[in-house]
Amino acid sequence: MPYINIKITDENVSAAQKAALIKGATQLLVDVLHKNPATTLVVIDEINTDNWGVGGKVVTDLRREALKT
């Protein structure tokens, strides 16, 4: 049983976007690895931007800085 874990920041991702991610990730495993979609599990974890870092900086701060420019 394939298990796919998608981690994204919790920045207004709609239910439709999440559904598209689940559908697309499942189809990718079907197309590439010939996995059964009925047994493919997809989990989306939404992480607060305070708990996500890139390049040594907190994403919340990076977003704030981007809005200033």
N, C-alpha and C. Protein backbone atom coordinates (compact mmCIF):
# COMPACT_ATOMS: atom_id res chain seq x y z
N MET A 1 0.85 -1.17 0.00
CA MET A 1 0.00 0.00 0.00
C MET A 1 0.90 1.24 0.00
N PRO A 2 0.91 2.02 -1.07
CA PRO A 2 1.71 3.25 -1.12
C PRO A 2 1.15 4.30 -0.16
N TYR A 3 2.07 5.04 0.42
CA TYR A 3 1.71 6.13 1.35
C TYR A 3 2.43 7.38 0.87
N ILE A 4 1.67 8.42 0.57
CA ILE A 4 2.23 9.69 0.12
C ILE A 4 1.91 10.73 1.18
N ASN A 5 2.94 11.46 1.63
CA ASN A 5 2.75 12.51 2.62
C ASN A 5 3.17 13.83 1.99
N ILE A 6 2.21 14.72 1.81
CA ILE A 6 2.45 16.04 1.24
C ILE A 6 2.44 17.04 2.38
N LYS A 7 3.51 17.81 2.50
CA LYS A 7 3.59 18.84 3.54
C LYS A 7 3.59 20.20 2.86
N ILE A 8 2.64 21.05 3.28
CA ILE A 8 2.51 22.39 2.73
C ILE A 8 2.32 23.37 3.87
N THR A 9 2.63 24.64 3.61
CA THR A 9 2.34 25.65 4.62
C THR A 9 0.83 25.91 4.63
N ASP A 10 0.34 26.32 5.78
CA ASP A 10 -1.11 26.53 5.94
C ASP A 10 -1.50 27.94 5.51
N GLU A 11 -1.40 28.18 4.22
CA GLU A 11 -1.67 29.50 3.68
C GLU A 11 -2.83 29.46 2.68
N ASN A 12 -4.02 29.31 3.21
CA ASN A 12 -5.25 29.41 2.42
C ASN A 12 -5.30 28.43 1.26
N VAL A 13 -4.97 27.19 1.50
CA VAL A 13 -5.12 26.16 0.48
C VAL A 13 -6.57 25.68 0.53
N SER A 14 -7.24 25.76 -0.60
CA SER A 14 -8.66 25.41 -0.63
C SER A 14 -8.87 23.90 -0.64
N ALA A 15 -10.09 23.51 -0.32
CA ALA A 15 -10.45 22.08 -0.37
C ALA A 15 -10.29 21.55 -1.79
N ALA A 16 -10.62 22.35 -2.78
CA ALA A 16 -10.48 21.94 -4.18
C ALA A 16 -9.01 21.72 -4.54
N GLN A 17 -8.13 22.58 -4.04
CA GLN A 17 -6.70 22.42 -4.31
C GLN A 17 -6.17 21.15 -3.65
N LYS A 18 -6.61 20.89 -2.43
CA LYS A 18 -6.19 19.68 -1.73
C LYS A 18 -6.68 18.44 -2.48
N ALA A 19 -7.91 18.47 -2.93
CA ALA A 19 -8.46 17.35 -3.69
C ALA A 19 -7.64 17.12 -4.96
N ALA A 20 -7.23 18.20 -5.62
CA ALA A 20 -6.42 18.08 -6.83
C ALA A 20 -5.05 17.48 -6.52
N LEU A 21 -4.46 17.87 -5.39
CA LEU A 21 -3.19 17.28 -4.98
C LEU A 21 -3.33 15.78 -4.74
N ILE A 22 -4.38 15.39 -4.04
CA ILE A 22 -4.62 13.98 -3.75
C ILE A 22 -4.82 13.19 -5.03
N LYS A 23 -5.65 13.72 -5.92
CA LYS A 23 -5.92 13.04 -7.19
C LYS A 23 -4.64 12.94 -8.03
N GLY A 24 -3.90 14.04 -8.13
CA GLY A 24 -2.69 14.05 -8.95
C GLY A 24 -1.59 13.16 -8.41
N ALA A 25 -1.40 13.17 -7.10
CA ALA A 25 -0.37 12.33 -6.50
C ALA A 25 -0.71 10.85 -6.67
N THR A 26 -1.98 10.53 -6.49
CA THR A 26 -2.42 9.14 -6.69
C THR A 26 -2.20 8.71 -8.13
N GLN A 27 -2.58 9.57 -9.07
CA GLN A 27 -2.42 9.23 -10.49
C GLN A 27 -0.95 9.08 -10.87
N LEU A 28 -0.08 9.87 -10.26
CA LEU A 28 1.35 9.76 -10.52
C LEU A 28 1.85 8.36 -10.16
N LEU A 29 1.43 7.83 -9.01
CA LEU A 29 1.85 6.49 -8.63
C LEU A 29 1.25 5.42 -9.54
N VAL A 30 0.04 5.67 -10.02
CA VAL A 30 -0.57 4.75 -10.98
C VAL A 30 0.25 4.74 -12.28
N ASP A 31 0.56 5.93 -12.78
CA ASP A 31 1.26 6.06 -14.07
C ASP A 31 2.70 5.56 -14.02
N VAL A 32 3.41 5.90 -12.96
CA VAL A 32 4.85 5.60 -12.90
C VAL A 32 5.13 4.22 -12.31
N LEU A 33 4.44 3.87 -11.24
CA LEU A 33 4.74 2.63 -10.54
C LEU A 33 3.66 1.56 -10.70
N HIS A 34 2.57 1.88 -11.44
CA HIS A 34 1.48 0.93 -11.68
C HIS A 34 0.83 0.49 -10.38
N LYS A 35 0.71 1.42 -9.43
CA LYS A 35 0.08 1.11 -8.15
C LYS A 35 -1.44 1.19 -8.27
N ASN A 36 -2.09 0.45 -7.42
CA ASN A 36 -3.55 0.44 -7.38
C ASN A 36 -4.03 1.70 -6.66
N PRO A 37 -4.81 2.56 -7.32
CA PRO A 37 -5.27 3.78 -6.65
C PRO A 37 -6.16 3.51 -5.43
N ALA A 38 -6.83 2.38 -5.43
CA ALA A 38 -7.71 2.05 -4.31
C ALA A 38 -6.95 1.80 -3.02
N THR A 39 -5.66 1.49 -3.14
CA THR A 39 -4.87 1.21 -1.93
C THR A 39 -3.78 2.26 -1.71
N THR A 40 -3.85 3.36 -2.44
CA THR A 40 -2.87 4.43 -2.30
C THR A 40 -3.40 5.47 -1.30
N LEU A 41 -2.64 5.69 -0.27
CA LEU A 41 -3.03 6.61 0.81
C LEU A 41 -2.27 7.92 0.64
N VAL A 42 -3.01 9.03 0.67
CA VAL A 42 -2.39 10.36 0.57
C VAL A 42 -2.80 11.16 1.80
N VAL A 43 -1.81 11.74 2.48
CA VAL A 43 -2.05 12.58 3.65
C VAL A 43 -1.44 13.94 3.37
N ILE A 44 -2.20 15.00 3.65
CA ILE A 44 -1.68 16.36 3.51
C ILE A 44 -1.53 16.94 4.90
N ASP A 45 -0.32 17.33 5.24
CA ASP A 45 -0.05 18.01 6.51
C ASP A 45 0.12 19.50 6.22
N GLU A 46 -0.67 20.32 6.87
CA GLU A 46 -0.54 21.76 6.74
C GLU A 46 0.25 22.27 7.94
N ILE A 47 1.39 22.88 7.65
CA ILE A 47 2.30 23.33 8.69
C ILE A 47 2.21 24.85 8.82
N ASN A 48 2.07 25.31 10.03
CA ASN A 48 2.07 26.75 10.28
C ASN A 48 3.40 27.33 9.83
N THR A 49 3.37 28.50 9.21
CA THR A 49 4.59 29.09 8.69
C THR A 49 5.60 29.43 9.78
N ASP A 50 5.16 29.54 11.03
CA ASP A 50 6.10 29.74 12.14
C ASP A 50 6.95 28.49 12.38
N ASN A 51 6.48 27.35 11.88
CA ASN A 51 7.15 26.07 12.10
C ASN A 51 7.84 25.56 10.85
N TRP A 52 8.09 26.44 9.89
CA TRP A 52 8.69 26.06 8.61
C TRP A 52 9.81 27.04 8.32
N GLY A 53 10.97 26.54 7.98
CA GLY A 53 12.10 27.42 7.69
C GLY A 53 12.73 27.12 6.35
N VAL A 54 13.24 28.17 5.72
CA VAL A 54 13.95 28.04 4.44
C VAL A 54 15.17 28.96 4.50
N GLY A 55 16.31 28.43 4.19
CA GLY A 55 17.51 29.25 4.16
C GLY A 55 17.86 29.86 5.50
N GLY A 56 17.51 29.16 6.57
CA GLY A 56 17.82 29.65 7.91
C GLY A 56 16.85 30.69 8.43
N LYS A 57 15.76 30.93 7.71
CA LYS A 57 14.78 31.93 8.14
C LYS A 57 13.41 31.29 8.27
N VAL A 58 12.61 31.83 9.18
CA VAL A 58 11.24 31.36 9.39
C VAL A 58 10.38 31.87 8.23
N VAL A 59 9.55 30.99 7.67
CA VAL A 59 8.74 31.36 6.52
C VAL A 59 7.82 32.53 6.82
N THR A 60 7.28 32.62 8.03
CA THR A 60 6.43 33.75 8.39
C THR A 60 7.18 35.06 8.15
N ASP A 61 8.44 35.11 8.58
CA ASP A 61 9.26 36.31 8.39
C ASP A 61 9.55 36.55 6.92
N LEU A 62 9.82 35.50 6.17
CA LEU A 62 10.09 35.65 4.74
C LEU A 62 8.86 36.21 4.02
N ARG A 63 7.69 35.74 4.38
CA ARG A 63 6.44 36.24 3.75
C ARG A 63 6.25 37.71 4.09
N ARG A 64 6.49 38.06 5.35
CA ARG A 64 6.34 39.44 5.79
C ARG A 64 7.30 40.35 5.03
N GLU A 65 8.56 39.90 4.89
CA GLU A 65 9.56 40.67 4.17
C GLU A 65 9.17 40.84 2.70
N ALA A 66 8.61 39.81 2.11
CA ALA A 66 8.20 39.87 0.70
C ALA A 66 7.08 40.88 0.48
N LEU A 67 6.21 41.04 1.46
CA LEU A 67 5.11 42.01 1.34
C LEU A 67 5.62 43.45 1.40
N LYS A 68 6.76 43.67 2.06
CA LYS A 68 7.31 45.02 2.19
C LYS A 68 7.93 45.51 0.90
N THR A 69 8.35 44.59 0.03
CA THR A 69 9.02 45.01 -1.20
C THR A 69 8.08 45.20 -2.35
